[in-house]
Amino acid sequence: MNLFINDIPVTIVRAIEKPDEREFNHILNAETEPVTQAKLLHRVWIKHAKYQDVDHLFDLLDTTIIPGLISITVTVDDYEDMRTFLKKKFKIIKAAGGLVKKGDKLLMIYRLKKWDLPKGKLDKGENNFEAAQREVEEECNIKVNMLDKICTTWHTYTMKRKKILKKTVWYAMEISKDSKMKPQVEEDIEEVRWMTRKEVFHALQDSYKSIAFVFDRFFKQEKEQERQSIP
């Protein structure tokens, strides 16, 4: 699971996947030491995490700004049980969105003083694929052709004292019509802009970690498709 809590990336994976220790600045064994704020520095790996460890970690990240913390990877012995635990702890909201390309350019929107990607909640009866296309077309006043799924992200927030876990499924898309492209102002979108790859990298400095994650997955997907197309 790729989660974002207060814009901090938290990746929960199966213990058997064994991340590369060289990627981390600090490694914690939750079986033998408590998870505390003082130990959350730079890139952190928490091993053998149980429900109570993840619960405490989420509360800590939700209520505290931790200077210097870049990302956290959590390995768990029973991945499916942990997913079930998290889904019971939060109210789940489903959303979908897209990354649209036009030749060598990519589409971003400017909303609430951040560069973002178009997305929104599923309407009743919709699936992820349908909702992603509808939201992108509505928010940017364009028409798109749907391509492959990119990834799924989860992020947490509190609304009316309820803890929310928002699941967003992301798709790659290709423009089919943008002659009347404009921002949907009622959704607080100020600008819709086609960007070069270089401009995207600059825009991501004023964006969310979850959006940077989607772009990263998209670029890796592109490279893999190019590699597979070579005879």
Protein backbone atom coordinates (compact mmCIF):
# COMPACT_ATOMS: atom_id res chain seq x y z
CA MET A 1 0.00 0.00 0.00
CA ASN A 2 1.28 3.44 -0.94
CA LEU A 3 -0.04 5.84 1.72
CA PHE A 4 0.51 9.54 2.31
CA ILE A 5 0.00 10.96 5.81
CA ASN A 6 0.57 14.70 6.16
CA ASP A 7 2.35 14.42 2.78
CA ILE A 8 4.82 11.83 4.17
CA PRO A 9 5.06 8.68 2.00
CA VAL A 10 4.40 5.51 4.01
CA THR A 11 4.76 2.24 2.10
CA ILE A 12 3.44 -0.95 3.67
CA VAL A 13 4.82 -4.15 2.15
CA ARG A 14 5.08 -7.85 2.92
CA ALA A 15 8.05 -8.86 5.11
CA ILE A 16 9.18 -11.38 2.50
CA GLU A 17 9.82 -8.55 0.02
CA LYS A 18 12.92 -7.49 2.04
CA PRO A 19 13.76 -3.89 1.04
CA ASP A 20 17.39 -2.99 0.35
CA GLU A 21 18.91 -1.81 3.65
CA ARG A 22 21.18 0.61 1.77
CA GLU A 23 18.14 2.75 0.90
CA PHE A 24 17.49 3.68 4.55
CA ASN A 25 19.10 5.99 7.08
CA HIS A 26 17.50 4.30 10.08
CA ILE A 27 16.13 0.79 10.61
CA LEU A 28 13.79 -0.03 13.50
CA ASN A 29 12.78 -3.48 14.68
CA ALA A 30 9.30 -2.94 16.13
CA GLU A 31 9.53 -6.27 17.99
CA THR A 32 12.34 -4.98 20.20
CA GLU A 33 12.08 -1.17 20.26
CA PRO A 34 9.21 1.33 20.31
CA VAL A 35 8.42 3.62 17.39
CA THR A 36 9.12 7.14 18.63
CA GLN A 37 9.36 10.54 16.95
CA ALA A 38 13.08 10.78 17.76
CA LYS A 39 13.76 7.70 15.62
CA LEU A 40 11.91 8.95 12.55
CA LEU A 41 14.77 10.58 10.68
CA HIS A 42 15.22 10.82 6.92
CA ARG A 43 14.39 7.45 5.26
CA VAL A 44 13.13 4.93 7.80
CA TRP A 45 12.41 1.21 7.65
CA ILE A 46 10.21 -0.27 10.40
CA LYS A 47 10.45 -4.07 10.52
CA HIS A 48 7.97 -6.59 11.96
CA ALA A 49 5.28 -3.99 12.61
CA LYS A 50 2.08 -5.09 14.36
CA TYR A 51 -1.33 -3.38 14.42
CA GLN A 52 -0.47 -1.29 17.47
CA ASP A 53 2.80 -0.09 15.88
CA VAL A 54 1.07 1.06 12.70
CA ASP A 55 -1.77 2.61 14.69
CA HIS A 56 0.72 4.57 16.81
CA LEU A 57 2.73 5.58 13.73
CA PHE A 58 -0.35 6.91 11.95
CA ASP A 59 -1.44 8.92 15.00
CA LEU A 60 2.07 10.34 15.34
CA LEU A 61 2.28 11.40 11.69
CA ASP A 62 -1.26 12.77 11.74
CA THR A 63 -0.67 15.06 14.72
CA THR A 64 3.01 15.99 14.45
CA ILE A 65 5.20 17.68 11.86
CA ILE A 66 8.49 15.76 11.99
CA PRO A 67 11.42 17.78 10.58
CA GLY A 68 13.79 15.79 8.39
CA LEU A 69 11.47 12.83 7.85
CA ILE A 70 11.43 11.90 4.15
CA SER A 71 9.69 8.52 3.92
CA ILE A 72 8.80 5.39 5.88
CA THR A 73 8.68 1.78 4.72
CA VAL A 74 6.83 -0.65 6.98
CA THR A 75 7.21 -4.41 6.57
CA VAL A 76 4.53 -6.63 8.08
CA ASP A 77 4.31 -10.40 8.48
CA ASP A 78 0.63 -10.59 7.52
CA TYR A 79 -0.02 -8.05 4.80
CA GLU A 80 -3.67 -8.91 4.11
CA ASP A 81 -4.60 -8.73 7.80
CA MET A 82 -2.93 -5.31 8.02
CA ARG A 83 -4.92 -4.06 5.02
CA THR A 84 -8.12 -5.28 6.67
CA PHE A 85 -7.16 -3.57 9.94
CA LEU A 86 -6.54 -0.24 8.19
CA LYS A 87 -9.79 -0.40 6.26
CA LYS A 88 -11.70 -0.95 9.51
CA LYS A 89 -9.89 1.89 11.26
CA PHE A 90 -10.85 4.46 8.61
CA LYS A 91 -13.85 5.42 6.56
CA ILE A 92 -12.89 4.59 2.96
CA ILE A 93 -13.57 7.12 0.20
CA LYS A 94 -12.95 6.02 -3.39
CA ALA A 95 -11.63 8.38 -6.04
CA ALA A 96 -9.95 8.23 -9.44
CA GLY A 97 -7.88 10.53 -11.61
CA GLY A 98 -5.59 10.75 -14.55
CA LEU A 99 -2.32 11.85 -16.08
CA VAL A 100 -3.00 13.09 -19.61
CA LYS A 101 -0.37 13.28 -22.33
CA LYS A 102 -0.33 15.20 -25.60
CA GLY A 103 2.73 14.26 -27.62
CA ASP A 104 5.69 15.06 -25.36
CA LYS A 105 3.66 17.26 -23.00
CA LEU A 106 1.76 16.37 -19.83
CA LEU A 107 -1.24 18.05 -18.22
CA MET A 108 -1.25 19.56 -14.73
CA ILE A 109 -3.78 21.72 -12.90
CA TYR A 110 -3.21 24.47 -10.34
CA ARG A 111 -5.56 24.08 -7.40
CA LEU A 112 -5.40 25.50 -3.87
CA LYS A 113 -1.95 26.98 -4.52
CA LYS A 114 -0.46 23.61 -5.54
CA TRP A 115 0.22 21.89 -8.85
CA ASP A 116 -1.94 18.81 -8.98
CA LEU A 117 -3.60 16.25 -11.24
CA PRO A 118 -7.33 16.13 -12.02
CA LYS A 119 -9.20 13.62 -9.87
CA GLY A 120 -12.40 13.20 -7.89
CA LYS A 121 -14.74 10.88 -6.01
CA LEU A 122 -16.63 8.08 -7.69
CA ASP A 123 -20.30 8.72 -8.36
CA LYS A 124 -22.81 6.06 -7.38
CA GLY A 125 -22.62 3.11 -9.79
CA GLU A 126 -19.33 4.21 -11.37
CA ASN A 127 -16.18 2.13 -11.54
CA ASN A 128 -12.67 3.58 -11.25
CA PHE A 129 -12.13 3.68 -15.02
CA GLU A 130 -15.34 5.60 -15.68
CA ALA A 131 -14.83 8.03 -12.80
CA ALA A 132 -11.25 8.84 -13.82
CA GLN A 133 -12.31 9.75 -17.35
CA ARG A 134 -15.31 11.78 -16.20
CA GLU A 135 -13.36 13.75 -13.56
CA VAL A 136 -10.51 14.61 -15.92
CA GLU A 137 -12.86 15.69 -18.68
CA GLU A 138 -15.02 17.77 -16.31
CA GLU A 139 -12.20 19.48 -14.43
CA CYS A 140 -10.27 20.44 -17.59
CA ASN A 141 -13.07 20.68 -20.19
CA ILE A 142 -11.29 18.25 -22.51
CA LYS A 143 -11.86 14.83 -24.08
CA VAL A 144 -9.46 11.94 -23.46
CA ASN A 145 -8.81 8.37 -24.54
CA MET A 146 -8.12 6.01 -21.66
CA LEU A 147 -4.85 4.05 -21.50
CA ASP A 148 -3.36 1.85 -18.77
CA LYS A 149 -3.72 2.03 -15.02
CA ILE A 150 -0.68 3.70 -13.43
CA CYS A 151 -1.04 2.98 -9.71
CA THR A 152 -3.18 3.34 -6.59
CA THR A 153 -2.46 5.82 -3.79
CA TRP A 154 -4.02 6.14 -0.34
CA HIS A 155 -3.96 9.24 1.85
CA THR A 156 -5.41 10.02 5.22
CA TYR A 157 -7.14 13.07 6.61
CA THR A 158 -9.73 13.98 9.23
CA MET A 159 -13.13 15.40 8.30
CA LYS A 160 -15.80 16.23 10.89
CA ARG A 161 -13.81 14.29 13.48
CA LYS A 162 -13.85 11.15 11.35
CA LYS A 163 -10.64 9.54 10.10
CA ILE A 164 -10.76 9.18 6.32
CA LEU A 165 -8.63 6.94 4.10
CA LYS A 166 -8.99 8.07 0.49
CA LYS A 167 -8.16 5.53 -2.18
CA THR A 168 -7.31 7.05 -5.57
CA VAL A 169 -6.79 4.92 -8.68
CA TRP A 170 -4.72 6.65 -11.37
CA TYR A 171 -4.80 6.10 -15.14
CA ALA A 172 -2.71 7.24 -18.06
CA MET A 173 -4.72 9.04 -20.74
CA GLU A 174 -4.19 10.57 -24.15
CA ILE A 175 -5.80 13.79 -25.29
CA SER A 176 -8.38 13.61 -28.05
CA LYS A 177 -9.74 17.18 -27.87
CA ASP A 178 -8.53 20.25 -25.96
CA SER A 179 -9.70 23.18 -28.13
CA LYS A 180 -11.95 24.45 -25.31
CA MET A 181 -9.70 23.50 -22.42
CA LYS A 182 -10.34 25.57 -19.28
CA PRO A 183 -10.27 25.06 -15.49
CA GLN A 184 -13.39 24.07 -13.58
CA VAL A 185 -13.42 27.06 -11.23
CA GLU A 186 -16.16 25.64 -9.00
CA GLU A 187 -13.62 22.94 -8.06
CA ASP A 188 -11.09 25.64 -7.06
CA ILE A 189 -8.96 25.05 -10.17
CA GLU A 190 -7.21 28.23 -11.27
CA GLU A 191 -5.24 26.96 -14.26
CA VAL A 192 -4.88 23.99 -16.61
CA ARG A 193 -1.51 23.79 -18.35
CA TRP A 194 0.37 21.56 -20.77
CA MET A 195 3.95 21.13 -19.55
CA THR A 196 7.20 19.75 -20.88
CA ARG A 197 8.93 17.10 -18.77
CA LYS A 198 11.32 19.75 -17.47
CA GLU A 199 8.42 22.01 -16.48
CA VAL A 200 6.74 19.09 -14.70
CA PHE A 201 9.85 18.47 -12.60
CA HIS A 202 9.84 22.14 -11.55
CA ALA A 203 6.09 22.08 -10.82
CA LEU A 204 6.51 19.03 -8.59
CA GLN A 205 8.57 21.16 -6.23
CA ASP A 206 5.27 22.95 -5.48
CA SER A 207 3.03 19.90 -5.38
CA TYR A 208 2.21 16.90 -3.18
CA LYS A 209 4.36 13.81 -2.58
CA SER A 210 1.49 11.64 -3.79
CA ILE A 211 1.44 13.47 -7.15
CA ALA A 212 5.21 13.09 -7.50
CA PHE A 213 4.72 9.38 -6.80
CA VAL A 214 2.16 9.08 -9.62
CA PHE A 215 4.52 10.78 -12.09
CA ASP A 216 7.39 8.55 -10.98
CA ARG A 217 5.31 5.42 -11.60
CA PHE A 218 4.16 6.80 -14.95
CA PHE A 219 7.73 7.47 -16.13
CA LYS A 220 8.85 4.00 -15.01
CA GLN A 221 5.87 2.49 -16.84
CA GLU A 222 6.84 4.38 -20.00
CA LYS A 223 10.44 3.16 -19.81
CA GLU A 224 9.30 -0.43 -19.35
CA GLN A 225 6.97 -0.18 -22.34
CA GLU A 226 9.81 1.24 -24.44
CA ARG A 227 12.13 -1.56 -23.33
CA GLN A 228 9.57 -4.22 -24.24
CA SER A 229 9.01 -2.68 -27.68
CA ILE A 230 12.69 -3.10 -28.64
CA PRO A 231 13.08 -6.22 -30.84
